[in-house]
Amino acid sequence: MCGRFFIGQPPEVYRASYGYPEQPNFPGRFNVAPTQPVPVVVREQGERHFRLMRWGLWPGWLKDPSDFPVLFNARIETAAEKPAFRGALRHRRCIFLADGFYEWRRDGEGRTATKTPFAVRRTDGAPMALAGLWEPWMGADGSEVDTAAIVTCSANGTLSAIHERMPAILAPEAIGAWLDAAVDAPEAARLCRPCPDDWLRLDRVSERVNSVRNDDAGLPEPVAAEPPAGRAAPATPKAVQGELF
């Protein structure tokens, strides 16, 4: 799964990588969490555009989001079957702007289990193109919110050391097809597969990342092993991966 990520390079780097005309000047964010606004790239009328969306997809048919699960991930294996995701997979695909994401390795079982955080980034330092799905949502009062979820797939060999799932990281040559709604859902889904092992680097990071209150450039930096004391696991929204929908 993918429940936290970071965006640290200058805005011009993403604009050059994805080719959208907007010139947003957004600050680095190093502990992005579900329900927060996130920058994404979409394709509209044949051109790519920068957009801000809520991380946590609300299907268009949803009447009241107040007690709806936080759908921040969508499993590619089942997205075409799930009512919450199948329309977006056909017609509304996006790219999350990111440099990397965090994942936690679970050690032990039960009350004595601990979770160790790692930052995962590309070995070449390039932006990490995370496949996403998005949906516009309109409230009864006429308010409109664009919402999105990160697509996940099975972990590659590198990630399997700490977790069984990972976000779908698109190859540069796959980005155009993923964003193009003329590419049908089955073909688009085939683009979302575990990336090559040598694309990624894992670094153990500070347990400060467990709290969303912490958001600074030091969070994704590698640290030495910390003494096992009072480890707080990151908060988990009440539904992950969209498994119920």
Protein backbone atom coordinates (compact mmCIF):
# COMPACT_ATOMS: atom_id res chain seq x y z
CA MET A 1 0.00 0.00 0.00
CA CYS A 2 1.03 3.64 0.00
CA GLY A 3 -0.13 5.81 2.88
CA ARG A 4 2.55 8.53 2.98
CA PHE A 5 4.80 10.12 0.36
CA PHE A 6 7.08 13.10 -0.15
CA ILE A 7 7.54 15.83 -2.79
CA GLY A 8 10.81 17.68 -2.33
CA GLN A 9 12.27 18.85 -5.65
CA PRO A 10 11.69 22.33 -7.12
CA PRO A 11 8.36 22.72 -9.00
CA GLU A 12 10.24 23.25 -12.26
CA VAL A 13 11.56 19.68 -12.11
CA TYR A 14 8.05 18.20 -12.21
CA ARG A 15 6.90 20.64 -14.86
CA ALA A 16 9.81 19.64 -17.10
CA SER A 17 9.23 15.94 -16.42
CA TYR A 18 5.49 15.92 -17.18
CA GLY A 19 5.10 18.78 -19.65
CA TYR A 20 2.14 20.74 -18.27
CA PRO A 21 1.81 24.49 -19.05
CA GLU A 22 0.91 25.67 -15.54
CA GLN A 23 3.69 27.14 -13.40
CA PRO A 24 2.67 26.32 -9.84
CA ASN A 25 5.02 27.44 -7.08
CA PHE A 26 4.37 24.94 -4.31
CA PRO A 27 6.62 24.25 -1.29
CA GLY A 28 8.25 20.92 -0.59
CA ARG A 29 6.15 18.50 1.46
CA PHE A 30 7.81 15.61 3.22
CA ASN A 31 5.01 13.74 4.98
CA VAL A 32 1.94 13.88 2.74
CA ALA A 33 -1.00 11.94 4.23
CA PRO A 34 -4.49 10.89 3.11
CA THR A 35 -7.24 13.57 3.06
CA GLN A 36 -4.66 16.29 2.34
CA PRO A 37 -4.52 18.21 -0.98
CA VAL A 38 -2.04 16.64 -3.41
CA PRO A 39 -0.63 17.75 -6.79
CA VAL A 40 -1.43 15.52 -9.75
CA VAL A 41 -1.12 15.56 -13.54
CA VAL A 42 -4.16 14.87 -15.73
CA ARG A 43 -4.81 14.89 -19.47
CA GLU A 44 -7.69 17.04 -20.69
CA GLN A 45 -8.55 17.86 -24.33
CA GLY A 46 -5.29 16.32 -25.47
CA GLU A 47 -3.04 18.30 -23.11
CA ARG A 48 -1.51 17.63 -19.73
CA HIS A 49 -2.42 19.86 -16.80
CA PHE A 50 -1.44 20.35 -13.17
CA ARG A 51 -4.25 20.00 -10.63
CA LEU A 52 -4.68 19.90 -6.85
CA MET A 53 -6.96 17.14 -5.55
CA ARG A 54 -7.99 15.59 -2.24
CA TRP A 55 -6.08 12.38 -1.51
CA GLY A 56 -8.90 9.97 -0.81
CA LEU A 57 -11.29 9.16 -3.65
CA TRP A 58 -15.00 9.96 -3.39
CA PRO A 59 -17.03 8.20 -6.13
CA GLY A 60 -19.42 10.42 -8.06
CA TRP A 61 -22.39 8.40 -6.79
CA LEU A 62 -21.50 9.06 -3.13
CA LYS A 63 -24.17 11.10 -1.33
CA ASP A 64 -22.58 11.72 2.08
CA PRO A 65 -18.78 11.43 2.49
CA SER A 66 -18.86 12.07 6.25
CA ASP A 67 -18.81 8.38 7.15
CA PHE A 68 -17.24 7.02 3.95
CA PRO A 69 -13.92 5.11 4.21
CA VAL A 70 -10.73 6.86 3.17
CA LEU A 71 -10.00 5.26 -0.22
CA PHE A 72 -6.41 6.44 -0.65
CA ASN A 73 -5.26 3.29 -2.49
CA ALA A 74 -6.83 1.26 -5.32
CA ARG A 75 -5.60 -2.27 -6.07
CA ILE A 76 -5.01 -2.58 -9.79
CA GLU A 77 -5.99 -6.25 -9.69
CA THR A 78 -9.58 -5.40 -8.70
CA ALA A 79 -10.05 -1.74 -9.74
CA ALA A 80 -12.00 -2.68 -12.89
CA GLU A 81 -14.55 -4.54 -10.75
CA LYS A 82 -15.00 -2.12 -7.86
CA PRO A 83 -17.84 0.44 -8.19
CA ALA A 84 -15.67 3.10 -6.55
CA PHE A 85 -12.85 2.77 -9.08
CA ARG A 86 -14.03 1.23 -12.36
CA GLY A 87 -15.29 4.48 -13.91
CA ALA A 88 -12.06 6.27 -13.07
CA LEU A 89 -9.96 3.43 -14.47
CA ARG A 90 -11.81 3.80 -17.77
CA HIS A 91 -11.94 7.57 -18.04
CA ARG A 92 -10.01 9.46 -15.32
CA ARG A 93 -6.42 8.44 -14.71
CA CYS A 94 -3.72 10.71 -13.27
CA ILE A 95 -0.14 10.85 -12.03
CA PHE A 96 0.68 11.82 -8.44
CA LEU A 97 3.70 14.14 -8.22
CA ALA A 98 6.19 12.49 -5.86
CA ASP A 99 9.86 11.88 -5.21
CA GLY A 100 9.25 8.81 -3.11
CA PHE A 101 7.07 7.22 -0.46
CA TYR A 102 7.32 5.72 3.02
CA GLU A 103 6.69 2.15 4.01
CA TRP A 104 6.84 0.41 7.37
CA ARG A 105 8.38 -2.99 8.02
CA ARG A 106 6.51 -4.92 10.67
CA ASP A 107 8.62 -6.97 13.08
CA GLY A 108 7.04 -9.36 15.55
CA GLU A 109 3.42 -10.08 16.31
CA GLY A 110 0.65 -8.81 18.57
CA ARG A 111 1.29 -6.18 21.20
CA THR A 112 5.05 -6.58 20.98
CA ALA A 113 5.15 -5.87 17.23
CA THR A 114 7.17 -2.89 16.05
CA LYS A 115 7.08 -0.92 12.80
CA THR A 116 10.25 0.46 11.27
CA PRO A 117 9.88 3.27 8.69
CA PHE A 118 11.74 3.37 5.38
CA ALA A 119 11.88 5.96 2.62
CA VAL A 120 11.66 4.52 -0.89
CA ARG A 121 12.97 6.61 -3.78
CA ARG A 122 14.35 6.20 -7.28
CA THR A 123 18.05 5.43 -7.45
CA ASP A 124 18.48 8.00 -10.23
CA GLY A 125 16.80 10.79 -8.23
CA ALA A 126 14.12 11.36 -10.87
CA PRO A 127 10.50 12.14 -9.94
CA MET A 128 8.51 9.01 -9.15
CA ALA A 129 5.44 8.76 -11.41
CA LEU A 130 2.79 7.19 -9.18
CA ALA A 131 -0.25 5.97 -11.12
CA GLY A 132 -3.53 7.36 -9.81
CA LEU A 133 -7.28 7.42 -10.39
CA TRP A 134 -9.42 10.49 -9.88
CA GLU A 135 -13.09 11.41 -9.58
CA PRO A 136 -14.90 14.75 -9.42
CA TRP A 137 -17.47 14.84 -6.60
CA MET A 138 -20.34 17.27 -6.20
CA GLY A 139 -22.18 17.85 -2.93
CA ALA A 140 -25.89 18.52 -2.54
CA ASP A 141 -25.05 22.19 -1.93
CA GLY A 142 -23.26 22.44 -5.27
CA SER A 143 -19.74 22.26 -3.84
CA GLU A 144 -17.22 20.46 -6.03
CA VAL A 145 -14.15 18.48 -4.98
CA ASP A 146 -11.69 16.59 -7.16
CA THR A 147 -10.50 13.46 -5.37
CA ALA A 148 -7.85 10.84 -6.15
CA ALA A 149 -6.32 7.53 -5.07
CA ILE A 150 -2.91 5.97 -5.70
CA VAL A 151 -2.93 2.68 -7.64
CA THR A 152 -1.06 -0.20 -6.03
CA CYS A 153 0.33 -3.51 -7.28
CA SER A 154 2.35 -6.41 -5.87
CA ALA A 155 5.74 -5.47 -4.45
CA ASN A 156 8.86 -6.00 -6.53
CA GLY A 157 11.88 -7.84 -5.12
CA THR A 158 13.30 -4.72 -3.49
CA LEU A 159 10.08 -3.76 -1.68
CA SER A 160 9.15 -7.32 -0.73
CA ALA A 161 11.80 -7.12 2.00
CA ILE A 162 9.50 -4.80 3.95
CA HIS A 163 5.98 -5.06 2.45
CA GLU A 164 3.90 -7.14 0.04
CA ARG A 165 2.38 -4.16 -1.84
CA MET A 166 3.74 -1.03 -3.51
CA PRO A 167 2.41 1.91 -5.53
CA ALA A 168 2.43 1.38 -9.28
CA ILE A 169 5.44 3.38 -10.51
CA LEU A 170 5.11 4.09 -14.22
CA ALA A 171 7.97 3.95 -16.69
CA PRO A 172 8.49 7.27 -18.54
CA GLU A 173 7.29 5.70 -21.79
CA ALA A 174 4.07 4.48 -20.10
CA ILE A 175 2.94 7.85 -18.76
CA GLY A 176 1.33 9.00 -21.99
CA ALA A 177 -0.75 5.84 -22.39
CA TRP A 178 -1.82 5.88 -18.72
CA LEU A 179 -3.13 9.45 -18.99
CA ASP A 180 -4.85 8.88 -22.35
CA ALA A 181 -8.51 7.94 -21.85
CA ALA A 182 -8.53 6.53 -25.40
CA VAL A 183 -6.41 3.67 -24.05
CA ASP A 184 -8.91 1.16 -22.66
CA ALA A 185 -8.95 0.03 -19.05
CA PRO A 186 -7.43 -3.46 -19.55
CA GLU A 187 -4.50 -2.05 -21.52
CA ALA A 188 -3.98 0.73 -18.98
CA ALA A 189 -4.09 -1.76 -16.11
CA ARG A 190 -1.27 -3.74 -17.70
CA LEU A 191 1.00 -0.70 -17.26
CA CYS A 192 0.64 -0.98 -13.48
CA ARG A 193 3.10 -3.70 -12.62
CA PRO A 194 6.02 -3.95 -10.18
CA CYS A 195 8.85 -1.76 -11.41
CA PRO A 196 12.36 -3.19 -11.94
CA ASP A 197 14.21 -3.87 -8.68
CA ASP A 198 17.14 -1.62 -9.57
CA TRP A 199 14.89 1.44 -9.93
CA LEU A 200 14.49 1.76 -6.17
CA ARG A 201 16.51 2.46 -3.07
CA LEU A 202 15.35 1.85 0.51
CA ASP A 203 16.62 3.93 3.45
CA ARG A 204 15.68 3.54 7.07
CA VAL A 205 14.37 6.89 8.34
CA SER A 206 13.48 8.50 11.63
CA GLU A 207 10.35 7.44 13.48
CA ARG A 208 9.39 11.12 13.48
CA VAL A 209 7.69 10.32 10.16
CA ASN A 210 5.07 8.37 12.13
CA SER A 211 3.39 11.65 13.08
CA VAL A 212 1.79 13.75 10.34
CA ARG A 213 2.58 16.79 12.48
CA ASN A 214 6.18 16.42 11.39
CA ASP A 215 6.86 17.71 7.88
CA ASP A 216 10.43 18.78 7.17
CA ALA A 217 13.20 17.96 4.72
CA GLY A 218 14.96 15.76 7.27
CA LEU A 219 12.22 13.12 7.30
CA PRO A 220 13.27 11.18 4.15
CA GLU A 221 16.97 11.34 5.08
CA PRO A 222 18.63 8.03 6.05
CA VAL A 223 19.31 7.42 9.75
CA ALA A 224 21.17 4.77 11.73
CA ALA A 225 19.16 2.15 13.62
CA GLU A 226 17.35 3.67 16.58
CA PRO A 227 17.03 2.01 20.00
CA PRO A 228 13.75 0.06 20.39
CA ALA A 229 11.69 2.31 22.62
CA GLY A 230 8.08 3.51 22.51
CA ARG A 231 7.60 3.20 18.81
CA ALA A 232 4.38 4.76 17.57
CA ALA A 233 2.94 3.23 14.42
CA PRO A 234 1.43 5.65 11.88
CA ALA A 235 -2.32 6.17 12.12
CA THR A 236 -4.25 4.03 9.67
CA PRO A 237 -7.48 5.30 8.09
CA LYS A 238 -10.50 3.05 8.63
CA ALA A 239 -10.28 1.49 5.16
CA VAL A 240 -7.30 0.90 2.93
CA GLN A 241 -6.81 -0.26 -0.63
CA GLY A 242 -10.52 0.13 -1.45
CA GLU A 243 -11.03 -3.54 -0.66
CA LEU A 244 -14.68 -3.09 0.29
CA PHE A 245 -15.76 -1.34 -2.90
